[in-house]
């Protein structure tokens, strides 16, 4: 198994952030040179970084942003749901954490806060 440099993973996260921003602007395709310009990398570095994770297209063709986003999200596992428990948030952090975590079930924080309050 090939060991992937940490710097490559950091750049992959940067590429993902960049292509998601471009998607919002309506961009459908991007070349490695344009991606490099937007992320302060070189086109060669972009291609090398992506090559660690398989084929991303044909030589001389641009990347399809929709497909690229899906592959980069799979690499970084950004769509995986993680079960977490946050304890001792206090009332000041409840609203802030809801915004940060984009909670689907907002009762989670209130329940934890209630449990902590009852045990004191």
C-alpha atoms as a PDB file:
ATOM      1  CA  UNK A   1       0.000   0.000   0.000  1.00  0.00           C
ATOM      2  CA  UNK A   2       1.326   3.396  -1.017  1.00  0.00           C
ATOM      3  CA  UNK A   3       1.844   5.932   1.761  1.00  0.00           C
ATOM      4  CA  UNK A   4       0.241   9.264   0.874  1.00  0.00           C
ATOM      5  CA  UNK A   5       2.070  12.368   2.119  1.00  0.00           C
ATOM      6  CA  UNK A   6       0.199  14.527   4.606  1.00  0.00           C
ATOM      7  CA  UNK A   7       0.833  17.598   2.428  1.00  0.00           C
ATOM      8  CA  UNK A   8      -1.026  15.857  -0.405  1.00  0.00           C
ATOM      9  CA  UNK A   9      -4.067  15.327   1.809  1.00  0.00           C
ATOM     10  CA  UNK A  10      -3.968  18.990   2.814  1.00  0.00           C
ATOM     11  CA  UNK A  11      -3.906  20.011  -0.851  1.00  0.00           C
ATOM     12  CA  UNK A  12      -6.757  17.590  -1.650  1.00  0.00           C
ATOM     13  CA  UNK A  13      -8.858  19.409   0.977  1.00  0.00           C
ATOM     14  CA  UNK A  14      -7.899  22.725  -0.651  1.00  0.00           C
ATOM     15  CA  UNK A  15      -8.840  21.398  -4.097  1.00  0.00           C
ATOM     16  CA  UNK A  16     -12.213  20.275  -2.754  1.00  0.00           C
ATOM     17  CA  UNK A  17     -12.921  23.668  -1.203  1.00  0.00           C
ATOM     18  CA  UNK A  18     -11.943  25.372  -4.461  1.00  0.00           C
ATOM     19  CA  UNK A  19     -14.073  23.202  -6.761  1.00  0.00           C
ATOM     20  CA  UNK A  20     -17.086  23.510  -4.464  1.00  0.00           C
ATOM     21  CA  UNK A  21     -16.776  27.300  -4.645  1.00  0.00           C
ATOM     22  CA  UNK A  22     -16.513  27.112  -8.428  1.00  0.00           C
ATOM     23  CA  UNK A  23     -19.599  24.880  -8.569  1.00  0.00           C
ATOM     24  CA  UNK A  24     -21.584  27.571  -6.760  1.00  0.00           C
ATOM     25  CA  UNK A  25     -20.496  29.992  -9.476  1.00  0.00           C
ATOM     26  CA  UNK A  26     -21.825  27.625 -12.133  1.00  0.00           C
ATOM     27  CA  UNK A  27     -18.501  26.303 -13.415  1.00  0.00           C
ATOM     28  CA  UNK A  28     -18.865  22.787 -14.887  1.00  0.00           C
ATOM     29  CA  UNK A  29     -15.272  21.832 -15.824  1.00  0.00           C
ATOM     30  CA  UNK A  30     -11.757  22.831 -14.783  1.00  0.00           C
ATOM     31  CA  UNK A  31      -8.266  22.094 -16.038  1.00  0.00           C
ATOM     32  CA  UNK A  32      -5.382  21.153 -13.772  1.00  0.00           C
ATOM     33  CA  UNK A  33      -3.728  24.494 -14.611  1.00  0.00           C
ATOM     34  CA  UNK A  34      -6.830  26.474 -13.578  1.00  0.00           C
ATOM     35  CA  UNK A  35      -7.194  24.414 -10.415  1.00  0.00           C
ATOM     36  CA  UNK A  36      -3.508  25.022  -9.692  1.00  0.00           C
ATOM     37  CA  UNK A  37      -3.893  28.802 -10.149  1.00  0.00           C
ATOM     38  CA  UNK A  38      -6.835  28.853  -7.737  1.00  0.00           C
ATOM     39  CA  UNK A  39      -5.026  26.796  -5.075  1.00  0.00           C
ATOM     40  CA  UNK A  40      -1.452  28.092  -5.335  1.00  0.00           C
ATOM     41  CA  UNK A  41      -0.142  24.800  -6.634  1.00  0.00           C
ATOM     42  CA  UNK A  42       1.359  23.789  -9.958  1.00  0.00           C
ATOM     43  CA  UNK A  43      -0.575  21.833 -12.592  1.00  0.00           C
ATOM     44  CA  UNK A  44       1.939  19.016 -12.205  1.00  0.00           C
ATOM     45  CA  UNK A  45       1.358  18.935  -8.451  1.00  0.00           C
ATOM     46  CA  UNK A  46      -2.413  18.793  -8.923  1.00  0.00           C
ATOM     47  CA  UNK A  47      -2.102  15.867 -11.329  1.00  0.00           C
ATOM     48  CA  UNK A  48       0.386  14.077  -9.071  1.00  0.00           C
ATOM     49  CA  UNK A  49      -1.800  14.566  -5.985  1.00  0.00           C
ATOM     50  CA  UNK A  50      -4.869  13.218  -7.761  1.00  0.00           C
ATOM     51  CA  UNK A  51      -2.915  10.290  -9.211  1.00  0.00           C
ATOM     52  CA  UNK A  52      -2.410   8.882  -5.692  1.00  0.00           C
ATOM     53  CA  UNK A  53      -6.115   8.055  -5.739  1.00  0.00           C
ATOM     54  CA  UNK A  54      -6.539   6.591  -9.222  1.00  0.00           C
ATOM     55  CA  UNK A  55      -7.630   7.938 -12.578  1.00  0.00           C
ATOM     56  CA  UNK A  56      -9.441  11.233 -12.668  1.00  0.00           C
ATOM     57  CA  UNK A  57      -9.835  11.662 -16.408  1.00  0.00           C
ATOM     58  CA  UNK A  58      -8.049  11.545 -19.707  1.00  0.00           C
ATOM     59  CA  UNK A  59      -4.816  13.333 -20.548  1.00  0.00           C
ATOM     60  CA  UNK A  60      -5.490  16.742 -22.045  1.00  0.00           C
ATOM     61  CA  UNK A  61      -9.111  16.928 -20.901  1.00  0.00           C
ATOM     62  CA  UNK A  62     -10.608  19.050 -18.143  1.00  0.00           C
ATOM     63  CA  UNK A  63     -12.067  17.606 -14.971  1.00  0.00           C
ATOM     64  CA  UNK A  64     -15.849  17.485 -14.586  1.00  0.00           C
ATOM     65  CA  UNK A  65     -16.511  19.369 -11.344  1.00  0.00           C
ATOM     66  CA  UNK A  66     -19.448  17.210 -10.225  1.00  0.00           C
ATOM     67  CA  UNK A  67     -17.410  14.017 -10.581  1.00  0.00           C
ATOM     68  CA  UNK A  68     -14.318  15.618  -9.066  1.00  0.00           C
ATOM     69  CA  UNK A  69     -16.240  16.787  -5.992  1.00  0.00           C
ATOM     70  CA  UNK A  70     -17.682  13.307  -5.438  1.00  0.00           C
ATOM     71  CA  UNK A  71     -14.261  11.679  -5.724  1.00  0.00           C
ATOM     72  CA  UNK A  72     -12.566  14.222  -3.452  1.00  0.00           C
ATOM     73  CA  UNK A  73     -15.333  13.873  -0.863  1.00  0.00           C
ATOM     74  CA  UNK A  74     -14.919  10.109  -0.974  1.00  0.00           C
ATOM     75  CA  UNK A  75     -11.154  10.456  -0.497  1.00  0.00           C
ATOM     76  CA  UNK A  76     -11.555  12.783   2.481  1.00  0.00           C
ATOM     77  CA  UNK A  77     -14.639  10.957   3.776  1.00  0.00           C
ATOM     78  CA  UNK A  78     -16.471  14.248   4.231  1.00  0.00           C
ATOM     79  CA  UNK A  79     -19.899  12.696   3.783  1.00  0.00           C
ATOM     80  CA  UNK A  80     -19.442  10.150   6.546  1.00  0.00           C
ATOM     81  CA  UNK A  81     -21.653  10.712   9.557  1.00  0.00           C
ATOM     82  CA  UNK A  82     -19.796  10.636  12.840  1.00  0.00           C
ATOM     83  CA  UNK A  83     -21.444   9.947  16.167  1.00  0.00           C
ATOM     84  CA  UNK A  84     -20.177  12.366  18.778  1.00  0.00           C
ATOM     85  CA  UNK A  85     -20.993  13.336  22.314  1.00  0.00           C
ATOM     86  CA  UNK A  86     -20.326  16.871  23.478  1.00  0.00           C
ATOM     87  CA  UNK A  87     -20.409  17.223  27.243  1.00  0.00           C
ATOM     88  CA  UNK A  88     -20.313  20.337  29.371  1.00  0.00           C
ATOM     89  CA  UNK A  89     -21.185  22.882  26.708  1.00  0.00           C
ATOM     90  CA  UNK A  90     -23.080  25.280  28.966  1.00  0.00           C
ATOM     91  CA  UNK A  91     -25.900  27.541  27.878  1.00  0.00           C
ATOM     92  CA  UNK A  92     -23.657  30.081  26.113  1.00  0.00           C
ATOM     93  CA  UNK A  93     -22.383  27.484  23.645  1.00  0.00           C
ATOM     94  CA  UNK A  94     -25.680  25.780  22.831  1.00  0.00           C
ATOM     95  CA  UNK A  95     -26.695  28.111  19.987  1.00  0.00           C
ATOM     96  CA  UNK A  96     -23.135  28.434  18.731  1.00  0.00           C
ATOM     97  CA  UNK A  97     -22.691  24.669  18.506  1.00  0.00           C
ATOM     98  CA  UNK A  98     -25.982  24.284  16.669  1.00  0.00           C
ATOM     99  CA  UNK A  99     -24.703  26.671  14.005  1.00  0.00           C
ATOM    100  CA  UNK A 100     -21.248  25.112  13.780  1.00  0.00           C
ATOM    101  CA  UNK A 101     -22.420  21.514  13.660  1.00  0.00           C
ATOM    102  CA  UNK A 102     -25.517  22.191  11.530  1.00  0.00           C
ATOM    103  CA  UNK A 103     -27.436  19.825  13.747  1.00  0.00           C
ATOM    104  CA  UNK A 104     -30.434  18.071  12.277  1.00  0.00           C
ATOM    105  CA  UNK A 105     -31.741  17.164  15.704  1.00  0.00           C
ATOM    106  CA  UNK A 106     -31.313  20.282  17.801  1.00  0.00           C
ATOM    107  CA  UNK A 107     -32.600  18.528  20.904  1.00  0.00           C
ATOM    108  CA  UNK A 108     -29.266  16.723  21.273  1.00  0.00           C
ATOM    109  CA  UNK A 109     -27.505  19.696  22.851  1.00  0.00           C
ATOM    110  CA  UNK A 110     -30.443  20.504  25.116  1.00  0.00           C
ATOM    111  CA  UNK A 111     -30.620  16.906  26.268  1.00  0.00           C
ATOM    112  CA  UNK A 112     -26.913  16.824  27.100  1.00  0.00           C
ATOM    113  CA  UNK A 113     -27.168  20.163  28.870  1.00  0.00           C
ATOM    114  CA  UNK A 114     -30.169  18.917  30.859  1.00  0.00           C
ATOM    115  CA  UNK A 115     -28.376  15.710  31.871  1.00  0.00           C
ATOM    116  CA  UNK A 116     -25.334  17.676  33.032  1.00  0.00           C
ATOM    117  CA  UNK A 117     -27.521  20.108  34.989  1.00  0.00           C
ATOM    118  CA  UNK A 118     -29.422  17.287  36.716  1.00  0.00           C
ATOM    119  CA  UNK A 119     -26.233  15.515  37.783  1.00  0.00           C
ATOM    120  CA  UNK A 120     -24.697  18.583  39.459  1.00  0.00           C
END
